[in-house]
Amino acid sequence: MKDFVYYTPTEVVFGRDSEEQIIPLLKKYNAGKVLIHYGGGSAIKSGLIPEIRKKLEDAFIPYVELGGVVPNPHLSLVYEGIDLCKASGVDFILAVGGGSVIDSAKAIAYGLEYNGDVWDFFDGKAKPAGAAPVGVVLTIPASGSEMSDSCVITNAEKGQKRGCNSDFCRCKFAVMNPERTFSLPAYQSACGITDIMMHSIERYFTPDSPMSITDALCSALIKDVRITGEKLLEDPDNYDLRASIMWAGSLSHNGLTGCGVRSDFATHRLGHELSSLFDAAHGASLATLWCHWAKYVMSENPSRFLSFAKDVMEVDTAEEGIDAMRAFFKRIGMPTSIPELIGRKATQEEIVLMAERCSRGGTISVGSFKPIEYSDMLTIYHLSNI
C-alpha cells in the first residue's frame, strides 16, 4: 500500500427536510452575498429554486442567480459566472443540482481567486492557490462532486473536456434530500448509477496491493450499488433505495475507496473525449468503454479481474466478470459500444481525433493499472466501435 492523506472537510446534512439547514449553513460559513447556480428549468419548475430564493430573502441574505448549466458544463458559462460574481460582490456560491452544476460552480470559485484565465487550471498551465467557498444542494446523485476534489469543464471552442483536482474546490457543505431525486428520469438515474460504480471501479483496478479494509470497502460499495441500482429503477419512489444510492455517490468519489492505492481513471479519461465530441452523457460514455478497456488490460493482472468477478459480480471467472458487467449495463439501459451510444459507428477520423486529444498529441498516457498510450487508445476506441 501507499502512504496517503484522507481529507474530507465537507459538512453533509442528509435526509428529509434537509433544505431547512441551508440558511444556518450559509451563515455558519459567512456567506455575505450568494450566487445561486443551477441548470435548466426543472430546478425552477420543481419549486426548489423559488424555495431557496424565499429562504434567502427571509434571512436578508442578498443573492444573484445564474442558470443554464448543461451536461458537460461549458467554460463560456463559467466565464459569465466569474464576471457576474465580481461585478455583484458575490462571496459564496450555492450550487443547486448535480455534478455539472457543482463543477461549474467550482470553476467559477477558482476564477474568483485568480487574476488570469481560469482555463489555465484545466489546461495544466497553472495550479489553483485558492477558491471562493461553495455549498451544494444536491438533486442528482452521480458525480460525487459534492465531496470530491474534482472539477471537470468543457471548452467547446477547443473541443476539450478537462479536469482540475485540488482541495481548494472541496465544498463547505452538501445538503442531500433523497426525495429530491424521485422525479429523475430512468435514463438519468442509470447514468448516475454507472458513474457512482465507476468511481470506485477506477480505484479497485490499481497496480498496487491494496489494504484489506480499502479493498473490502471498495468491493462492497460497487456490489451494493449494482444490486440497489437495479432495484431503484424498478421502484423509483422508494426512499431507502434513493438514499442508499445518493450516499454511495458521495462515498465513491471522496477518496474513501482508494485510500492507500493509486487509482486508474483511464476509462474516465477516454470517456471524456467521447462525451466532449458527441455531447454524450458522462455515465453513458463510461459504460460504452469500460468492458472493452477491461478485456484489453486484463492480462496485466488476471487475478485482480478474478477477484472482481467473484467478490463484486458473483461469477466464477475473470471473463465472466466482465461479461456480467456488460449484461448489467444493458439491463439498466446503458450503451456498451459507440454505435449504441451515438446511433452510428464513429469514423476513423473521429477515433483518431479522440485519441489525439486524450493523449495530448501523443505526449501523455492515461491510467495506472496499465498505462494507456496513444496506440492503446486507438485500439480501445476501435474495440468499442464494433
Protein backbone atom coordinates (compact mmCIF):
# COMPACT_ATOMS: atom_id res chain seq x y z
CA MET A 1 0.00 0.00 0.00
CA LYS A 2 0.96 3.64 -0.43
CA ASP A 3 1.05 6.37 2.21
CA PHE A 4 -1.95 8.69 1.91
CA VAL A 5 -3.74 11.77 3.21
CA TYR A 6 -7.50 11.47 3.61
CA TYR A 7 -9.21 14.87 3.68
CA THR A 8 -12.99 15.31 3.66
CA PRO A 9 -13.93 18.72 5.06
CA THR A 10 -17.44 18.85 3.53
CA GLU A 11 -20.24 19.05 6.08
CA VAL A 12 -23.09 16.77 4.98
CA VAL A 13 -26.70 17.31 6.03
CA PHE A 14 -28.61 14.27 4.80
CA GLY A 15 -32.29 13.37 4.85
CA ARG A 16 -35.84 14.60 4.61
CA ASP A 17 -36.28 18.35 5.03
CA SER A 18 -32.51 18.85 4.99
CA GLU A 19 -33.13 22.04 2.98
CA GLU A 20 -34.16 23.66 6.27
CA GLN A 21 -30.46 23.84 7.12
CA ILE A 22 -29.46 25.91 4.07
CA ILE A 23 -29.65 29.26 5.84
CA PRO A 24 -27.90 28.12 9.05
CA LEU A 25 -25.14 26.64 6.90
CA LEU A 26 -24.74 29.78 4.81
CA LYS A 27 -24.46 31.83 7.99
CA LYS A 28 -22.01 29.35 9.51
CA TYR A 29 -19.72 29.76 6.52
CA ASN A 30 -20.06 33.55 6.49
CA ALA A 31 -21.93 33.97 3.21
CA GLY A 32 -22.41 37.69 2.59
CA LYS A 33 -23.81 37.64 -0.95
CA VAL A 34 -24.71 34.42 -2.72
CA LEU A 35 -24.72 33.23 -6.32
CA ILE A 36 -27.48 30.65 -6.84
CA HIS A 37 -26.14 28.49 -9.65
CA TYR A 38 -28.33 25.90 -11.37
CA GLY A 39 -29.13 24.17 -14.63
CA GLY A 40 -32.33 24.15 -16.65
CA GLY A 41 -35.95 24.89 -15.98
CA SER A 42 -36.57 21.77 -13.89
CA ALA A 43 -34.92 23.36 -10.86
CA ILE A 44 -37.43 26.20 -11.09
CA LYS A 45 -40.46 24.11 -12.08
CA SER A 46 -39.86 21.71 -9.19
CA GLY A 47 -40.15 24.63 -6.79
CA LEU A 48 -36.65 24.20 -5.38
CA ILE A 49 -35.17 27.45 -6.70
CA PRO A 50 -38.21 29.53 -5.63
CA GLU A 51 -37.97 27.86 -2.21
CA ILE A 52 -34.30 28.78 -1.89
CA ARG A 53 -34.96 32.34 -3.06
CA LYS A 54 -37.56 32.77 -0.33
CA LYS A 55 -35.25 31.36 2.33
CA LEU A 56 -32.54 33.83 1.36
CA GLU A 57 -34.95 36.75 1.22
CA ASP A 58 -36.46 35.89 4.62
CA ALA A 59 -32.94 35.71 6.06
CA PHE A 60 -31.99 39.04 4.41
CA ILE A 61 -29.13 37.39 2.52
CA PRO A 62 -28.67 39.12 -0.86
CA TYR A 63 -28.23 36.96 -3.93
CA VAL A 64 -27.90 36.85 -7.70
CA GLU A 65 -28.69 33.94 -9.99
CA LEU A 66 -27.09 32.17 -12.93
CA GLY A 67 -28.89 29.26 -14.57
CA GLY A 68 -28.23 27.50 -17.83
CA VAL A 69 -25.69 24.86 -16.82
CA VAL A 70 -25.79 21.92 -19.25
CA PRO A 71 -24.34 18.40 -19.02
CA ASN A 72 -20.60 18.57 -19.71
CA PRO A 73 -20.64 22.16 -18.35
CA HIS A 74 -19.28 24.84 -20.63
CA LEU A 75 -16.39 27.18 -19.97
CA SER A 76 -18.35 30.03 -21.53
CA LEU A 77 -20.90 29.97 -18.69
CA VAL A 78 -18.07 29.76 -16.16
CA TYR A 79 -16.65 33.00 -17.59
CA GLU A 80 -20.11 34.57 -17.36
CA GLY A 81 -20.39 33.47 -13.74
CA ILE A 82 -16.99 34.87 -12.81
CA ASP A 83 -17.86 38.24 -14.34
CA LEU A 84 -21.28 38.29 -12.64
CA CYS A 85 -19.85 37.43 -9.23
CA LYS A 86 -17.07 40.01 -9.44
CA ALA A 87 -19.47 42.73 -10.58
CA SER A 88 -22.04 41.85 -7.90
CA GLY A 89 -19.72 41.30 -4.95
CA VAL A 90 -20.61 37.63 -4.51
CA ASP A 91 -18.55 35.83 -1.88
CA PHE A 92 -20.32 32.44 -1.73
CA ILE A 93 -21.63 30.13 -4.47
CA LEU A 94 -24.61 27.84 -3.86
CA ALA A 95 -24.79 25.08 -6.47
CA VAL A 96 -28.28 23.61 -6.83
CA GLY A 97 -28.26 20.48 -8.99
CA GLY A 98 -25.94 17.63 -9.88
CA GLY A 99 -22.33 17.21 -10.90
CA SER A 100 -22.41 19.57 -13.87
CA VAL A 101 -23.78 22.43 -11.77
CA ILE A 102 -21.34 21.72 -8.95
CA ASP A 103 -18.35 21.57 -11.30
CA SER A 104 -19.41 24.81 -12.97
CA ALA A 105 -19.71 26.41 -9.52
CA LYS A 106 -16.26 25.14 -8.53
CA ALA A 107 -14.73 26.58 -11.70
CA ILE A 108 -16.36 29.94 -11.01
CA ALA A 109 -15.00 29.73 -7.46
CA TYR A 110 -11.49 29.19 -8.83
CA GLY A 111 -11.89 32.16 -11.14
CA LEU A 112 -12.88 34.49 -8.30
CA GLU A 113 -9.50 33.90 -6.67
CA TYR A 114 -7.40 34.15 -9.86
CA ASN A 115 -6.42 37.10 -12.00
CA GLY A 116 -5.70 35.05 -15.13
CA ASP A 117 -7.79 32.77 -17.35
CA VAL A 118 -9.44 30.07 -15.21
CA TRP A 119 -8.90 27.61 -18.09
CA ASP A 120 -5.21 27.70 -17.15
CA PHE A 121 -6.03 25.30 -14.29
CA PHE A 122 -7.66 22.81 -16.65
CA ASP A 123 -5.03 23.14 -19.36
CA GLY A 124 -2.18 22.49 -16.93
CA LYS A 125 -0.68 25.97 -17.26
CA ALA A 126 -1.26 26.89 -13.61
CA LYS A 127 -2.26 25.37 -10.28
CA PRO A 128 -5.02 26.76 -8.06
CA ALA A 129 -3.95 28.69 -4.98
CA GLY A 130 -7.45 29.25 -3.65
CA ALA A 131 -11.17 29.29 -4.43
CA ALA A 132 -14.27 31.05 -3.20
CA PRO A 133 -16.46 28.90 -0.91
CA VAL A 134 -19.06 26.63 -2.50
CA GLY A 135 -22.07 24.90 -0.95
CA VAL A 136 -24.33 22.34 -2.60
CA VAL A 137 -27.99 21.39 -2.64
CA LEU A 138 -27.74 18.05 -4.40
CA THR A 139 -30.53 16.88 -6.73
CA ILE A 140 -28.74 14.31 -8.92
CA PRO A 141 -26.59 11.60 -7.29
CA ALA A 142 -23.85 10.60 -9.72
CA SER A 143 -20.62 12.55 -9.87
CA GLY A 144 -19.79 12.72 -6.17
CA SER A 145 -18.56 16.26 -6.82
CA GLU A 146 -20.29 17.41 -3.64
CA MET A 147 -17.48 15.76 -1.62
CA SER A 148 -14.66 15.37 -4.15
CA ASP A 149 -11.66 17.49 -5.07
CA SER A 150 -12.58 17.17 -8.74
CA CYS A 151 -13.96 19.64 -11.26
CA VAL A 152 -14.43 18.91 -14.99
CA ILE A 153 -15.23 21.59 -17.58
CA THR A 154 -15.74 21.53 -21.36
CA ASN A 155 -14.08 24.13 -23.57
CA ALA A 156 -16.42 23.98 -26.57
CA GLU A 157 -14.26 26.28 -28.69
CA LYS A 158 -11.27 23.96 -28.39
CA GLY A 159 -13.29 20.74 -28.28
CA GLN A 160 -11.63 19.81 -24.97
CA LYS A 161 -13.01 18.37 -21.75
CA ARG A 162 -10.50 18.74 -18.93
CA GLY A 163 -10.37 18.23 -15.18
CA CYS A 164 -8.74 20.07 -12.32
CA ASN A 165 -8.20 18.45 -8.93
CA SER A 166 -7.34 20.35 -5.76
CA ASP A 167 -8.55 20.54 -2.18
CA PHE A 168 -9.35 24.22 -2.68
CA CYS A 169 -12.57 23.32 -4.50
CA ARG A 170 -13.94 20.95 -1.86
CA CYS A 171 -17.41 22.13 -0.91
CA LYS A 172 -18.12 23.63 2.50
CA PHE A 173 -21.40 21.76 2.82
CA ALA A 174 -23.75 19.45 0.96
CA VAL A 175 -27.49 19.36 1.61
CA MET A 176 -28.80 15.99 0.43
CA ASN A 177 -32.50 15.10 0.44
CA PRO A 178 -33.20 11.80 -1.38
CA GLU A 179 -36.79 12.91 -2.00
CA ARG A 180 -35.45 15.45 -4.48
CA THR A 181 -34.33 12.57 -6.72
CA PHE A 182 -37.70 10.80 -7.05
CA SER A 183 -38.55 12.63 -10.27
CA LEU A 184 -35.32 11.80 -12.12
CA PRO A 185 -35.89 10.02 -15.46
CA ALA A 186 -34.82 6.37 -15.53
CA TYR A 187 -32.02 7.05 -18.02
CA GLN A 188 -30.57 9.81 -15.87
CA SER A 189 -30.76 7.57 -12.80
CA ALA A 190 -28.99 4.79 -14.72
CA CYS A 191 -26.24 7.17 -15.83
CA GLY A 192 -25.79 8.18 -12.21
CA ILE A 193 -25.64 4.58 -11.01
CA THR A 194 -22.98 3.88 -13.63
CA ASP A 195 -20.90 6.91 -12.68
CA ILE A 196 -21.06 6.02 -8.98
CA MET A 197 -19.90 2.46 -9.63
CA MET A 198 -17.16 3.59 -11.97
CA HIS A 199 -15.63 5.98 -9.44
CA SER A 200 -14.85 3.01 -7.21
CA ILE A 201 -14.08 0.60 -10.06
CA GLU A 202 -11.41 3.05 -11.23
CA ARG A 203 -9.88 2.75 -7.76
CA TYR A 204 -10.38 -1.02 -7.49
CA PHE A 205 -8.22 -1.69 -10.54
CA THR A 206 -4.92 -0.44 -9.18
CA PRO A 207 -1.33 -1.53 -9.83
CA ASP A 208 -0.76 -1.53 -6.05
CA SER A 209 -1.54 -4.10 -3.36
CA PRO A 210 -4.50 -2.58 -1.50
CA MET A 211 -5.11 -2.68 2.23
CA SER A 212 -7.73 -5.30 3.04
CA ILE A 213 -10.04 -2.66 4.53
CA THR A 214 -9.83 -0.43 1.45
CA ASP A 215 -10.43 -3.44 -0.77
CA ALA A 216 -13.42 -4.53 1.29
CA LEU A 217 -14.98 -1.05 1.31
CA CYS A 218 -14.45 -0.63 -2.43
CA SER A 219 -15.85 -4.06 -3.33
CA ALA A 220 -18.84 -3.65 -1.04
CA LEU A 221 -19.76 -0.25 -2.45
CA ILE A 222 -19.60 -1.38 -6.08
CA LYS A 223 -21.60 -4.52 -5.33
CA ASP A 224 -24.23 -2.68 -3.31
CA VAL A 225 -24.74 -0.02 -5.97
CA ARG A 226 -25.07 -2.76 -8.60
CA ILE A 227 -27.80 -4.51 -6.61
CA THR A 228 -29.53 -1.43 -5.21
CA GLY A 229 -29.38 0.38 -8.55
CA GLU A 230 -31.42 -2.27 -10.33
CA LYS A 231 -33.98 -2.27 -7.51
CA LEU A 232 -34.22 1.52 -7.67
CA LEU A 233 -35.02 1.52 -11.38
CA GLU A 234 -37.90 -0.86 -10.65
CA ASP A 235 -39.09 1.13 -7.62
CA PRO A 236 -38.03 4.76 -8.24
CA ASP A 237 -40.11 6.26 -5.40
CA ASN A 238 -38.52 4.09 -2.72
CA TYR A 239 -36.88 6.48 -0.25
CA ASP A 240 -34.42 3.98 1.20
CA LEU A 241 -33.16 2.93 -2.24
CA ARG A 242 -32.77 6.54 -3.34
CA ALA A 243 -30.98 7.38 -0.08
CA SER A 244 -28.56 4.47 -0.45
CA ILE A 245 -27.61 5.49 -3.99
CA MET A 246 -27.30 9.14 -3.04
CA TRP A 247 -24.92 8.42 -0.15
CA ALA A 248 -22.96 5.91 -2.22
CA GLY A 249 -22.36 8.63 -4.80
CA SER A 250 -20.60 10.76 -2.21
CA LEU A 251 -18.58 7.92 -0.69
CA SER A 252 -17.49 6.60 -4.06
CA HIS A 253 -15.66 9.78 -5.04
CA ASN A 254 -14.49 11.34 -1.76
CA GLY A 255 -11.33 9.21 -1.72
CA LEU A 256 -12.51 6.60 0.79
CA THR A 257 -12.46 3.65 -1.61
CA GLY A 258 -8.97 4.48 -2.83
CA CYS A 259 -7.02 5.06 0.39
CA GLY A 260 -3.51 3.68 0.07
CA VAL A 261 -3.57 2.89 -3.65
CA ARG A 262 -3.08 4.63 -6.97
CA SER A 263 -6.30 4.99 -8.92
CA ASP A 264 -6.60 4.27 -12.63
CA PHE A 265 -9.24 6.50 -14.26
CA ALA A 266 -8.24 5.56 -17.80
CA THR A 267 -11.87 4.88 -18.68
CA HIS A 268 -12.83 8.32 -17.40
CA ARG A 269 -10.15 10.00 -19.49
CA LEU A 270 -11.13 8.05 -22.60
CA GLY A 271 -14.79 8.74 -21.86
CA HIS A 272 -14.22 12.48 -21.58
CA GLU A 273 -13.29 12.55 -25.26
CA LEU A 274 -16.42 10.61 -26.20
CA SER A 275 -18.72 12.88 -24.23
CA SER A 276 -16.94 16.00 -25.48
CA LEU A 277 -17.02 15.07 -29.17
CA PHE A 278 -20.53 13.63 -29.24
CA ASP A 279 -22.11 15.56 -26.34
CA ALA A 280 -22.93 12.26 -24.64
CA ALA A 281 -23.90 11.74 -21.01
CA HIS A 282 -20.85 11.09 -18.85
CA GLY A 283 -22.16 7.88 -17.27
CA ALA A 284 -23.18 6.50 -20.65
CA SER A 285 -19.71 7.15 -22.08
CA LEU A 286 -18.17 5.15 -19.22
CA ALA A 287 -20.47 2.19 -19.81
CA THR A 288 -19.63 2.39 -23.51
CA LEU A 289 -15.91 1.91 -22.90
CA TRP A 290 -15.30 0.01 -19.69
CA CYS A 291 -15.81 -3.58 -20.84
CA HIS A 292 -13.54 -3.02 -23.85
CA TRP A 293 -10.86 -1.44 -21.66
CA ALA A 294 -11.20 -4.34 -19.23
CA LYS A 295 -10.69 -7.07 -21.83
CA TYR A 296 -7.78 -5.14 -23.30
CA VAL A 297 -5.89 -4.80 -20.00
CA MET A 298 -6.97 -7.98 -18.19
CA SER A 299 -3.69 -9.77 -18.93
CA GLU A 300 -1.83 -7.18 -16.82
CA ASN A 301 -3.27 -8.70 -13.65
CA PRO A 302 -5.74 -11.54 -14.26
CA SER A 303 -6.05 -12.27 -10.54
CA ARG A 304 -7.45 -8.79 -9.90
CA PHE A 305 -10.15 -9.36 -12.50
CA LEU A 306 -10.86 -12.75 -10.95
CA SER A 307 -11.35 -11.12 -7.55
CA PHE A 308 -13.68 -8.58 -9.14
CA ALA A 309 -15.66 -11.37 -10.79
CA LYS A 310 -16.08 -13.34 -7.58
CA ASP A 311 -16.39 -10.60 -4.96
CA VAL A 312 -18.37 -8.00 -6.88
CA MET A 313 -20.16 -9.67 -9.78
CA GLU A 314 -20.63 -13.07 -8.07
CA VAL A 315 -19.46 -15.19 -11.01
CA ASP A 316 -16.61 -17.67 -11.35
CA THR A 317 -14.08 -16.43 -13.91
CA ALA A 318 -12.43 -13.15 -14.85
CA GLU A 319 -14.02 -13.04 -18.30
CA GLU A 320 -17.42 -13.89 -16.83
CA GLY A 321 -17.00 -10.89 -14.54
CA ILE A 322 -16.54 -8.54 -17.48
CA ASP A 323 -19.43 -10.14 -19.34
CA ALA A 324 -21.62 -9.83 -16.23
CA MET A 325 -20.78 -6.14 -16.06
CA ARG A 326 -21.77 -5.69 -19.70
CA ALA A 327 -25.04 -7.52 -19.05
CA PHE A 328 -25.70 -5.27 -16.06
CA PHE A 329 -25.16 -2.14 -18.14
CA LYS A 330 -27.59 -3.43 -20.74
CA ARG A 331 -30.22 -4.27 -18.11
CA ILE A 332 -30.20 -0.71 -16.79
CA GLY A 333 -30.35 0.75 -20.30
CA MET A 334 -26.75 1.83 -20.75
CA PRO A 335 -24.85 1.57 -24.07
CA THR A 336 -21.86 -0.78 -24.27
CA SER A 337 -20.49 0.33 -27.64
CA ILE A 338 -20.03 3.57 -29.54
CA PRO A 339 -22.77 2.70 -32.08
CA GLU A 340 -25.19 2.15 -29.18
CA LEU A 341 -24.14 5.48 -27.66
CA ILE A 342 -24.36 7.73 -30.74
CA GLY A 343 -26.53 5.71 -33.14
CA ARG A 344 -23.76 5.00 -35.65
CA LYS A 345 -20.15 3.94 -35.85
CA ALA A 346 -17.51 6.57 -35.21
CA THR A 347 -15.44 7.40 -38.28
CA GLN A 348 -11.73 6.70 -38.41
CA GLU A 349 -11.12 10.44 -38.30
CA GLU A 350 -13.22 10.76 -35.13
CA ILE A 351 -11.37 7.90 -33.44
CA VAL A 352 -8.00 9.44 -34.29
CA LEU A 353 -9.20 12.83 -33.05
CA MET A 354 -10.32 11.36 -29.70
CA ALA A 355 -7.02 9.53 -29.24
CA GLU A 356 -5.04 12.65 -30.13
CA ARG A 357 -7.00 14.76 -27.68
CA CYS A 358 -6.82 12.15 -24.91
CA SER A 359 -3.07 11.72 -25.32
CA ARG A 360 -2.49 15.46 -25.88
CA GLY A 361 -0.97 14.80 -29.25
CA GLY A 362 0.71 11.58 -28.19
CA THR A 363 2.62 13.22 -25.34
CA ILE A 364 0.92 11.56 -22.34
CA SER A 365 -0.55 8.24 -21.29
CA VAL A 366 -3.58 7.75 -19.03
CA GLY A 367 -4.26 5.23 -16.29
CA SER A 368 -2.04 3.29 -13.92
CA PHE A 369 -3.33 -0.30 -14.00
CA LYS A 370 -1.85 -0.41 -17.50
CA PRO A 371 -0.66 2.95 -18.81
CA ILE A 372 -2.71 3.60 -21.94
CA GLU A 373 -0.63 5.16 -24.70
CA TYR A 374 -1.87 6.72 -27.94
CA SER A 375 -1.77 3.38 -29.80
CA ASP A 376 -3.69 1.70 -26.96
CA MET A 377 -6.31 4.43 -27.11
CA LEU A 378 -6.83 3.81 -30.81
CA THR A 379 -7.26 0.10 -30.13
CA ILE A 380 -9.76 0.57 -27.29
CA TYR A 381 -11.82 3.06 -29.29
CA HIS A 382 -11.83 0.62 -32.24
CA LEU A 383 -12.89 -2.28 -29.99
CA SER A 384 -15.72 -0.10 -28.68
CA ASN A 385 -16.82 0.79 -32.21
CA ILE A 386 -17.92 -2.69 -33.26
